[in-house]
Protein backbone atom coordinates (compact mmCIF):
# COMPACT_ATOMS: atom_id res chain seq x y z
CA UNK A 1 0.00 0.00 0.00
CA UNK A 2 1.22 3.48 -0.93
CA UNK A 3 0.83 6.40 1.45
CA UNK A 4 0.55 10.08 0.54
CA UNK A 5 0.25 13.26 2.53
CA UNK A 6 -2.62 14.38 0.29
CA UNK A 7 -4.95 12.57 -2.14
CA UNK A 8 -7.08 14.58 -4.57
CA UNK A 9 -9.85 12.50 -6.16
CA UNK A 10 -10.95 14.08 -9.43
CA UNK A 11 -9.40 16.76 -11.63
CA UNK A 12 -12.15 19.35 -11.84
CA UNK A 13 -11.43 23.03 -11.41
CA UNK A 14 -10.70 22.85 -7.67
CA UNK A 15 -7.70 20.60 -8.28
CA UNK A 16 -5.45 23.28 -9.83
CA UNK A 17 -5.65 25.71 -6.91
CA UNK A 18 -5.40 22.84 -4.40
CA UNK A 19 -2.16 21.71 -6.02
CA UNK A 20 -0.91 25.27 -6.14
CA UNK A 21 -1.45 25.63 -2.42
CA UNK A 22 -0.11 22.23 -1.39
CA UNK A 23 2.98 21.90 -3.60
CA UNK A 24 5.21 24.48 -1.88
CA UNK A 25 5.31 22.32 1.26
CA UNK A 26 7.03 19.49 -0.63
CA UNK A 27 4.35 17.05 0.54
CA UNK A 28 3.57 13.91 -1.44
CA UNK A 29 0.37 14.23 -3.44
CA UNK A 30 -1.71 11.68 -5.35
CA UNK A 31 -4.19 12.87 -7.97
CA UNK A 32 -6.76 10.30 -9.06
CA UNK A 33 -8.79 10.56 -12.27
CA UNK A 34 -10.84 7.80 -13.88
CA UNK A 35 -12.07 9.90 -16.79
CA UNK A 36 -10.69 12.82 -18.76
CA UNK A 37 -8.44 15.27 -16.91
CA UNK A 38 -10.11 18.64 -16.40
CA UNK A 39 -13.59 17.61 -15.31
CA UNK A 40 -16.77 19.15 -16.65
CA UNK A 41 -15.42 22.66 -17.29
CA UNK A 42 -12.64 21.65 -19.65
CA UNK A 43 -14.32 18.70 -21.34
CA UNK A 44 -18.08 19.29 -21.60
CA UNK A 45 -18.81 22.64 -19.93
CA UNK A 46 -17.20 26.07 -19.99
CA UNK A 47 -14.35 25.56 -22.44
CA UNK A 48 -16.12 23.77 -25.32
CA UNK A 49 -19.49 25.48 -25.00
CA UNK A 50 -18.10 29.01 -24.78
CA UNK A 51 -15.96 28.21 -27.81
CA UNK A 52 -19.19 27.32 -29.62
CA UNK A 53 -20.86 30.48 -28.27
CA UNK A 54 -18.08 32.48 -29.94
CA UNK A 55 -18.58 30.76 -33.30
CA UNK A 56 -22.35 31.14 -33.04
CA UNK A 57 -22.01 34.84 -32.28
CA UNK A 58 -19.89 35.41 -35.38
CA UNK A 59 -22.52 33.60 -37.47
CA UNK A 60 -25.25 35.76 -35.97
CA UNK A 61 -23.30 38.98 -36.58
CA UNK A 62 -22.61 38.04 -40.19
CA UNK A 63 -26.36 37.61 -40.74
CA UNK A 64 -26.91 41.03 -39.16
CA UNK A 65 -24.16 42.70 -41.22
CA UNK A 66 -26.59 44.62 -43.48
CA UNK A 67 -27.89 46.43 -40.37
CA UNK A 68 -24.41 47.93 -40.06
CA UNK A 69 -24.09 48.80 -43.74
CA UNK A 70 -22.05 45.71 -44.62
CA UNK A 71 -22.87 43.07 -47.24
CA UNK A 72 -20.54 40.04 -46.93
CA UNK A 73 -22.72 37.64 -48.94
CA UNK A 74 -24.57 34.47 -47.95
CA UNK A 75 -23.38 32.72 -44.79
CA UNK A 76 -22.29 29.08 -44.92
CA UNK A 77 -21.73 27.33 -41.59
CA UNK A 78 -19.03 24.64 -41.83
CA UNK A 79 -20.20 22.59 -38.85
CA UNK A 80 -17.25 20.21 -39.04
CA UNK A 81 -14.81 23.13 -38.87
CA UNK A 82 -16.74 24.68 -35.98
CA UNK A 83 -16.51 21.44 -34.01
CA UNK A 84 -12.85 20.97 -34.93
CA UNK A 85 -12.07 24.42 -33.51
CA UNK A 86 -13.94 23.55 -30.32
CA UNK A 87 -12.09 20.24 -29.98
CA UNK A 88 -8.73 21.91 -30.51
CA UNK A 89 -9.42 24.45 -27.75
CA UNK A 90 -10.57 21.89 -25.20
CA UNK A 91 -7.79 19.47 -26.09
CA UNK A 92 -5.21 22.22 -25.52
CA UNK A 93 -6.78 23.00 -22.14
CA UNK A 94 -6.84 19.34 -21.13
CA UNK A 95 -3.25 18.75 -22.27
CA UNK A 96 -1.97 21.80 -20.42
CA UNK A 97 -3.70 20.78 -17.20
CA UNK A 98 -2.45 17.21 -17.37
CA UNK A 99 1.09 18.44 -18.01
CA UNK A 100 0.88 20.76 -15.01
CA UNK A 101 0.02 17.74 -12.85
CA UNK A 102 2.48 15.19 -14.20
CA UNK A 103 5.43 17.60 -14.33
CA UNK A 104 5.48 18.04 -10.56
CA UNK A 105 8.14 16.03 -8.73
CA UNK A 106 6.01 15.16 -5.71
CA UNK A 107 2.76 14.43 -7.57
CA UNK A 108 1.60 11.02 -8.81
CA UNK A 109 -1.32 10.90 -11.28
CA UNK A 110 -3.41 7.71 -11.13
CA UNK A 111 -5.59 7.09 -14.21
CA UNK A 112 -8.23 4.99 -12.43
CA UNK A 113 -11.46 5.34 -10.48
CA UNK A 114 -11.23 5.55 -6.70
CA UNK A 115 -13.38 3.92 -4.03
CA UNK A 116 -13.07 4.01 -0.24
CA UNK A 117 -12.25 0.76 1.53
CA UNK A 118 -11.93 2.39 4.93
CA UNK A 119 -11.22 5.75 6.56
CA UNK A 120 -8.56 7.53 4.50
CA UNK A 121 -8.00 4.35 2.43
CA UNK A 122 -8.89 4.12 -1.25
CA UNK A 123 -8.84 1.39 -3.87
CA UNK A 124 -7.41 2.98 -7.02
CA UNK A 125 -7.39 0.44 -9.84
CA UNK A 126 -5.43 -2.52 -8.48
CA UNK A 127 -3.70 -0.48 -5.76
CA UNK A 128 -4.58 0.54 -2.24
CA UNK A 129 -3.55 4.06 -1.25
CA UNK A 130 -3.85 5.97 1.99
CA UNK A 131 -3.78 9.70 2.55
CA UNK A 132 -3.47 11.86 5.63
CA UNK A 133 -5.83 14.30 3.93
CA UNK A 134 -8.26 13.51 1.12
CA UNK A 135 -10.12 15.94 -1.13
CA UNK A 136 -13.13 14.72 -3.10
CA UNK A 137 -13.53 16.71 -6.31
CA UNK A 138 -15.56 14.36 -8.49
CA UNK A 139 -18.19 16.78 -9.81
CA UNK A 140 -21.61 16.04 -11.22
CA UNK A 141 -23.22 14.72 -14.39
CA UNK A 142 -26.47 15.24 -16.33
CA UNK A 143 -29.64 14.02 -14.65
CA UNK A 144 -31.64 11.59 -16.78
CA UNK A 145 -35.41 11.64 -16.22
CA UNK A 146 -37.51 8.51 -15.83
CA UNK A 147 -39.34 9.15 -19.08
CA UNK A 148 -41.03 6.22 -20.87
CA UNK A 149 -39.31 5.38 -24.13
CA UNK A 150 -36.28 7.58 -23.58
CA UNK A 151 -33.76 4.78 -23.76
CA UNK A 152 -35.33 3.54 -26.97
CA UNK A 153 -34.06 6.58 -28.88
CA UNK A 154 -30.54 8.00 -29.36
CA UNK A 155 -30.98 10.88 -26.88
CA UNK A 156 -28.19 13.35 -26.22
CA UNK A 157 -26.87 15.04 -23.09
CA UNK A 158 -24.49 18.01 -23.15
CA UNK A 159 -21.54 15.59 -23.46
CA UNK A 160 -22.89 13.57 -26.39
CA UNK A 161 -24.11 16.70 -28.15
CA UNK A 162 -20.51 17.91 -28.38
CA UNK A 163 -19.56 14.77 -30.30
CA UNK A 164 -22.01 15.35 -33.17
CA UNK A 165 -20.52 15.17 -36.65
CA UNK A 166 -23.47 16.80 -38.41
CA UNK A 167 -25.70 19.73 -37.55
CA UNK A 168 -29.14 18.61 -36.34
CA UNK A 169 -32.04 19.54 -38.60
CA UNK A 170 -34.41 20.01 -35.65
CA UNK A 171 -33.10 19.86 -32.08
CA UNK A 172 -35.73 19.22 -29.41
CA UNK A 173 -34.53 20.28 -25.96
CA UNK A 174 -36.02 18.93 -22.74
CA UNK A 175 -35.42 21.62 -20.11
CA UNK A 176 -35.59 25.40 -20.21
CA UNK A 177 -32.75 26.19 -17.85
CA UNK A 178 -29.17 27.38 -18.26
CA UNK A 179 -27.52 24.49 -20.13
CA UNK A 180 -30.49 23.87 -22.40
CA UNK A 181 -30.93 27.54 -23.30
CA UNK A 182 -27.26 28.17 -24.07
CA UNK A 183 -27.10 25.15 -26.36
CA UNK A 184 -30.45 26.05 -27.94
CA UNK A 185 -29.18 29.42 -29.08
CA UNK A 186 -25.87 28.00 -30.26
CA UNK A 187 -27.48 25.41 -32.52
CA UNK A 188 -30.18 27.79 -33.73
CA UNK A 189 -27.50 30.24 -34.85
CA UNK A 190 -25.72 27.43 -36.67
CA UNK A 191 -28.92 26.84 -38.63
CA UNK A 192 -30.87 24.17 -36.76
CA UNK A 193 -34.53 24.47 -35.93
CA UNK A 194 -34.89 24.36 -32.12
CA UNK A 195 -37.82 23.60 -29.84
CA UNK A 196 -37.51 23.91 -26.04
CA UNK A 197 -39.93 21.95 -23.86
CA UNK A 198 -40.28 23.24 -20.28
CA UNK A 199 -42.90 21.97 -17.78
CA UNK A 200 -42.80 25.14 -15.63
CA UNK A 201 -44.70 28.34 -16.35
CA UNK A 202 -41.44 30.15 -17.12
CA UNK A 203 -37.94 29.28 -18.25
CA UNK A 204 -35.19 29.50 -15.63
CA UNK A 205 -37.70 29.04 -12.80
CA UNK A 206 -35.27 30.31 -10.13
CA UNK A 207 -35.05 33.74 -11.77
CA UNK A 208 -37.46 36.63 -11.44
CA UNK A 209 -40.27 36.64 -13.98
CA UNK A 210 -39.06 39.78 -15.76
CA UNK A 211 -35.57 38.31 -16.21
CA UNK A 212 -36.97 35.04 -17.58
CA UNK A 213 -39.26 36.94 -19.94
CA UNK A 214 -36.32 39.04 -21.16
CA UNK A 215 -34.29 35.94 -21.97
CA UNK A 216 -37.28 34.32 -23.65
CA UNK A 217 -37.80 37.41 -25.82
CA UNK A 218 -34.20 37.22 -27.03
CA UNK A 219 -34.37 33.53 -27.87
CA UNK A 220 -37.79 33.61 -29.51
CA UNK A 221 -36.64 36.63 -31.52
CA UNK A 222 -34.04 34.36 -33.11
CA UNK A 223 -36.64 31.75 -34.04
CA UNK A 224 -36.38 29.34 -31.08
CA UNK A 225 -39.75 27.82 -30.19
CA UNK A 226 -40.30 27.66 -26.41
CA UNK A 227 -43.18 25.51 -25.11
CA UNK A 228 -43.95 26.45 -21.49
CA UNK A 229 -46.20 24.40 -19.23
CA UNK A 230 -45.43 21.44 -21.47
CA UNK A 231 -44.79 18.15 -19.67
CA UNK A 232 -43.12 15.36 -21.69
CA UNK A 233 -44.92 12.06 -21.11
CA UNK A 234 -43.11 9.67 -23.43
CA UNK A 235 -40.51 9.47 -26.19
CA UNK A 236 -40.59 7.27 -29.27
CA UNK A 237 -38.58 6.83 -32.47
CA UNK A 238 -39.68 9.21 -35.19
CA UNK A 239 -39.39 9.04 -38.93
CA UNK A 240 -35.95 8.04 -40.15
CA UNK A 241 -33.48 8.53 -37.32
CA UNK A 242 -35.61 11.17 -35.60
CA UNK A 243 -37.49 11.27 -32.31
CA UNK A 244 -41.04 12.04 -31.24
CA UNK A 245 -41.75 13.59 -27.84
CA UNK A 246 -45.32 13.47 -26.60
CA UNK A 247 -46.21 16.42 -24.37
CA UNK A 248 -49.19 17.37 -22.23
CA UNK A 249 -49.95 21.07 -22.46
CA UNK A 250 -53.09 22.95 -21.52
CA UNK A 251 -55.07 19.77 -21.00
CA UNK A 252 -54.30 18.29 -24.40
CA UNK A 253 -51.69 15.93 -25.81
CA UNK A 254 -49.41 16.67 -28.74
CA UNK A 255 -46.47 15.07 -30.51
CA UNK A 256 -43.33 17.12 -31.15
CA UNK A 257 -41.10 15.65 -33.89
CA UNK A 258 -37.41 16.33 -34.16
CA UNK A 259 -34.21 14.94 -35.66
CA UNK A 260 -32.32 15.01 -32.31
CA UNK A 261 -33.26 15.09 -28.63
CA UNK A 262 -31.19 16.91 -26.00
CA UNK A 263 -31.94 16.10 -22.35
CA UNK A 264 -30.99 19.07 -20.15
CA UNK A 265 -33.09 18.76 -16.98
CA UNK A 266 -30.47 19.21 -14.28
CA UNK A 267 -27.41 17.62 -12.68
CA UNK A 268 -26.72 14.88 -10.13
CA UNK A 269 -23.52 14.41 -8.07
CA UNK A 270 -20.93 11.74 -8.87
CA UNK A 271 -20.90 10.43 -5.30
CA UNK A 272 -22.43 6.96 -5.51
CA UNK A 273 -19.36 5.12 -6.81
CA UNK A 274 -16.99 6.39 -4.09
CA UNK A 275 -18.01 3.92 -1.36
CA UNK A 276 -18.56 6.82 1.02
CA UNK A 277 -20.17 4.62 3.67
CA UNK A 278 -16.83 2.83 4.15
CA UNK A 279 -15.31 6.11 5.31
CA UNK A 280 -18.28 7.37 7.30
CA UNK A 281 -19.02 10.20 4.88
CA UNK A 282 -22.62 11.41 4.86
CA UNK A 283 -24.67 12.63 1.92
CA UNK A 284 -27.99 14.44 1.70
CA UNK A 285 -31.17 13.03 0.17
CA UNK A 286 -30.01 14.05 -3.32
CA UNK A 287 -26.61 12.39 -3.02
CA UNK A 288 -24.54 15.53 -2.46
CA UNK A 289 -21.78 15.16 0.12
CA UNK A 290 -22.64 17.17 3.20
CA UNK A 291 -19.96 19.64 4.28
CA UNK A 292 -19.47 22.34 6.88
CA UNK A 293 -18.57 25.95 6.23
CA UNK A 294 -14.98 24.92 5.35
CA UNK A 295 -15.88 22.01 3.00
CA UNK A 296 -15.11 19.37 5.68
CA UNK A 297 -17.12 16.18 5.42
CA UNK A 298 -18.35 14.07 8.35
CA UNK A 299 -15.08 12.05 8.15
CA UNK A 300 -12.00 13.54 9.76
CA UNK A 301 -9.38 14.66 7.28
CA UNK A 302 -11.70 14.44 4.24
CA UNK A 303 -13.01 17.45 2.33
CA UNK A 304 -15.49 17.65 -0.55
CA UNK A 305 -15.04 20.47 -3.05
CA UNK A 306 -16.73 21.49 -6.27
CA UNK A 307 -20.12 20.41 -7.59
CA UNK A 308 -20.24 17.21 -5.52
CA UNK A 309 -20.85 19.13 -2.28
CA UNK A 310 -23.97 20.85 -3.60
CA UNK A 311 -22.81 24.28 -2.42
CA UNK A 312 -22.15 25.66 -5.91
CA UNK A 313 -22.33 24.48 -9.48
CA UNK A 314 -19.73 26.58 -11.23
CA UNK A 315 -16.02 26.68 -11.94
CA UNK A 316 -15.62 29.83 -9.85
CA UNK A 317 -17.34 28.26 -6.83
CA UNK A 318 -15.17 25.16 -7.17
CA UNK A 319 -12.04 27.30 -7.20
CA UNK A 320 -13.33 29.21 -4.18
CA UNK A 321 -13.97 25.91 -2.36
CA UNK A 322 -10.29 25.09 -2.82
CA UNK A 323 -9.29 28.52 -1.52
CA UNK A 324 -11.46 28.02 1.57
CA UNK A 325 -9.82 24.66 2.27
CA UNK A 326 -6.31 26.03 1.79
CA UNK A 327 -7.06 29.00 4.02
CA UNK A 328 -8.10 26.59 6.76
CA UNK A 329 -5.06 24.33 6.30
CA UNK A 330 -2.67 27.26 6.40
CA UNK A 331 -3.94 28.41 9.76
CA UNK A 332 -6.54 31.02 8.84
CA UNK A 333 -10.01 29.66 8.38
CA UNK A 334 -11.55 33.11 7.96
CA UNK A 335 -13.03 32.25 4.56
CA UNK A 336 -16.35 30.39 4.68
CA UNK A 337 -18.92 29.02 2.25
CA UNK A 338 -21.66 30.99 3.97
CA UNK A 339 -19.87 34.25 3.11
CA UNK A 340 -20.07 33.57 -0.62
CA UNK A 341 -22.47 35.57 -2.75
CA UNK A 342 -24.29 33.67 -5.51
CA UNK A 343 -22.69 34.97 -8.70
CA UNK A 344 -23.15 33.44 -12.13
CA UNK A 345 -24.01 34.04 -15.76
CA UNK A 346 -26.18 32.61 -18.48
CA UNK A 347 -23.98 32.67 -21.57
CA UNK A 348 -26.56 33.26 -24.22
CA UNK A 349 -25.86 36.30 -26.39
CA UNK A 350 -26.38 38.88 -25.03
CA UNK A 351 -25.54 37.27 -21.70
CA UNK A 352 -27.25 37.47 -18.33
CA UNK A 353 -25.09 38.25 -15.31
CA UNK A 354 -26.51 37.65 -11.83
CA UNK A 355 -25.29 38.36 -8.31
CA UNK A 356 -26.93 38.25 -4.90
CA UNK A 357 -30.64 37.88 -4.28
CA UNK A 358 -33.45 37.87 -6.82
CA UNK A 359 -36.40 40.15 -6.14
CA UNK A 360 -38.57 37.26 -4.96
CA UNK A 361 -35.79 36.00 -2.68
CA UNK A 362 -35.24 39.44 -1.17
CA UNK A 363 -38.94 39.93 -0.47
CA UNK A 364 -39.21 36.40 0.89
CA UNK A 365 -36.47 37.16 3.41
CA UNK A 366 -38.29 40.22 4.68
CA UNK A 367 -36.13 42.95 3.15
CA UNK A 368 -37.60 46.35 2.43
CA UNK A 369 -36.62 46.35 -1.22
CA UNK A 370 -35.94 49.26 -3.54
CA UNK A 371 -35.64 48.48 -7.25
CA UNK A 372 -34.18 50.33 -10.21
CA UNK A 373 -34.24 49.19 -13.82
CA UNK A 374 -33.10 50.53 -17.16
CA UNK A 375 -33.59 48.95 -20.59
CA UNK A 376 -30.51 48.52 -22.74
CA UNK A 377 -32.34 50.54 -25.39
CA UNK A 378 -31.71 53.63 -23.20
CA UNK A 379 -27.95 53.06 -22.89
CA UNK A 380 -25.93 54.85 -25.56
CA UNK A 381 -23.20 52.23 -25.96
CA UNK A 382 -25.80 49.50 -26.48
CA UNK A 383 -27.48 51.63 -29.15
CA UNK A 384 -24.15 52.34 -30.83
CA UNK A 385 -23.41 48.62 -30.97
CA UNK A 386 -26.90 47.80 -32.19
CA UNK A 387 -27.44 45.50 -29.21
CA UNK A 388 -30.39 46.96 -27.33
CA UNK A 389 -32.18 43.85 -26.07
CA UNK A 390 -32.30 43.28 -22.31
CA UNK A 391 -32.09 45.50 -19.26
CA UNK A 392 -30.27 46.18 -16.01
CA UNK A 393 -32.00 45.61 -12.66
CA UNK A 394 -30.62 46.62 -9.25
CA UNK A 395 -32.04 45.78 -5.82
CA UNK A 396 -31.20 47.79 -2.71
CA UNK A 397 -32.17 47.36 0.95
CA UNK A 398 -34.09 50.50 1.94
CA UNK A 399 -32.94 50.25 5.55
CA UNK A 400 -29.21 49.59 5.10
CA UNK A 401 -28.62 51.18 1.66
CA UNK A 402 -26.72 48.03 0.68
CA UNK A 403 -27.06 46.42 -2.73
CA UNK A 404 -28.98 43.14 -2.36
CA UNK A 405 -28.64 41.87 -5.89
CA UNK A 406 -28.36 42.71 -9.56
CA UNK A 407 -29.31 41.24 -12.92
CA UNK A 408 -27.64 42.54 -16.08
CA UNK A 409 -29.18 41.12 -19.26
CA UNK A 410 -27.46 42.69 -22.23
CA UNK A 411 -24.09 43.24 -23.91
CA UNK A 412 -21.29 42.60 -21.43
CA UNK A 413 -23.72 41.46 -18.73
CA UNK A 414 -21.39 38.61 -17.76
CA UNK A 415 -18.57 41.14 -17.23
CA UNK A 416 -20.53 44.05 -15.73
CA UNK A 417 -21.95 41.81 -13.01
CA UNK A 418 -18.46 41.28 -11.58
CA UNK A 419 -18.36 44.99 -10.75
CA UNK A 420 -21.46 44.58 -8.60
CA UNK A 421 -20.11 41.44 -6.96
CA UNK A 422 -16.93 43.24 -5.93
CA UNK A 423 -18.93 46.18 -4.63
CA UNK A 424 -21.25 43.96 -2.60
CA UNK A 425 -18.29 42.18 -1.00
CA UNK A 426 -16.91 45.57 0.03
CA UNK A 427 -20.01 46.25 2.14
CA UNK A 428 -20.21 49.85 0.95
CA UNK A 429 -23.59 51.61 0.70
CA UNK A 430 -24.99 52.20 -2.76
CA UNK A 431 -24.79 56.00 -2.36
CA UNK A 432 -20.99 55.60 -2.45
CA UNK A 433 -21.29 53.62 -5.67
CA UNK A 434 -23.44 56.39 -7.12
CA UNK A 435 -20.46 58.77 -6.85
CA UNK A 436 -18.27 56.59 -9.08
CA UNK A 437 -16.97 58.12 -12.30
CA UNK A 438 -16.72 55.44 -14.97
CA UNK A 439 -15.45 55.37 -18.56
CA UNK A 440 -17.70 56.67 -21.34
CA UNK A 441 -19.03 55.23 -23.57
CA UNK A 442 -19.57 51.88 -21.85
CA UNK A 443 -22.46 49.77 -20.61
CA UNK A 444 -21.18 49.87 -17.05
CA UNK A 445 -20.93 53.67 -16.83
CA UNK A 446 -24.73 53.96 -16.55
CA UNK A 447 -25.04 51.53 -13.66
CA UNK A 448 -24.52 54.14 -10.89
CA UNK A 449 -27.02 56.48 -12.58
CA UNK A 450 -29.71 53.81 -12.51
CA UNK A 451 -29.79 54.17 -8.73
CA UNK A 452 -31.47 57.57 -9.22
CA UNK A 453 -34.63 55.71 -10.21
CA UNK A 454 -34.88 53.50 -7.10
CA UNK A 455 -38.45 52.91 -5.96
CA UNK A 456 -40.12 50.58 -3.43
CA UNK A 457 -41.16 47.08 -4.50
CA UNK A 458 -44.40 45.48 -3.31
């Protein structure tokens, strides 16, 4: 049996900062990966999909060129070349990450799955290894619904979709949330017909109604069909290699026919194959590993970081998990999960950036809420760029004058939102933000001015 000071199980986005913080000590480190190095972000999430977002945006802008006085001629999408570019980018990212692991003198990379056989003891392939400290960073995967007939058709998840060799003629998407909507716009801009099926009364059910409606307006404006209140009841083979999804909507039944079916109804943690019970590690009723404010599990010397702990579902939260763990190990412990603001983006184009509470969350928690909004159509830079869809929405606590949350749907929304996140972490009142002098002409320069229109909500 081999013994290490540290064992990192999984190579998602928490692994890089963990290694960076542990290597200077000269400790022995094992990194265990049974699949592709890099986890979801590098292989099936951020890196490949945002590469496709970039290609899709260029296609969309070429179609809009006459609006800007330009006439480049008919657009032809070379889907094979688009996918080759995506594969090159993610392969470079994966190769670089693997090299950064294997080039370290005190790090051993095991290319096997890991399973606990006792406290701090793991079976890795044919070997047993023990670690003084163990970090579980095994991520999550697409959730597959118990839908009659689904496994009788060649359905896709976000991983399989990225392996397509030909552009779908008609992509039917089950799920109107972040992954499904991003991929819907991408494939629509490449030329596919797209239908989104969502059982709820709005897309992105966690968001405020006005934000969801703004996103829906953008997507439907590009020709994406969105069926709300539509519950899929069964799936069957369609004509040729296609699929047929039967939905219940408004008390009636209808068949939706498509060439391809994408299932994007959520994520589940990769915790069940770890043998957690052998180490005394508890999970919640959804399978996420339960952790305290410093990512510690119920087993001494074992941490869970990244998507598998259910405390965040993004690369940036995974990285922050690692920083919280390292801060604790290095004698601080001042950083905590409970201090983290929810910050994320929906990478449609234009993107949605979100930080803090939604309006319904703020009201539900008893805040006296002030709200200010401004449509992108009233922001000069957006008009100059010809990108006037969307709006900015700010929420302020009337009693403390602190910003509670923000939603920026429009050009640069994924970047502008970081400004609000930094400001909220500073704990400064919004009247101080109002005094900021920002660069003109930009989208962000108008954000302080929006505060002049604050009014009570509810």
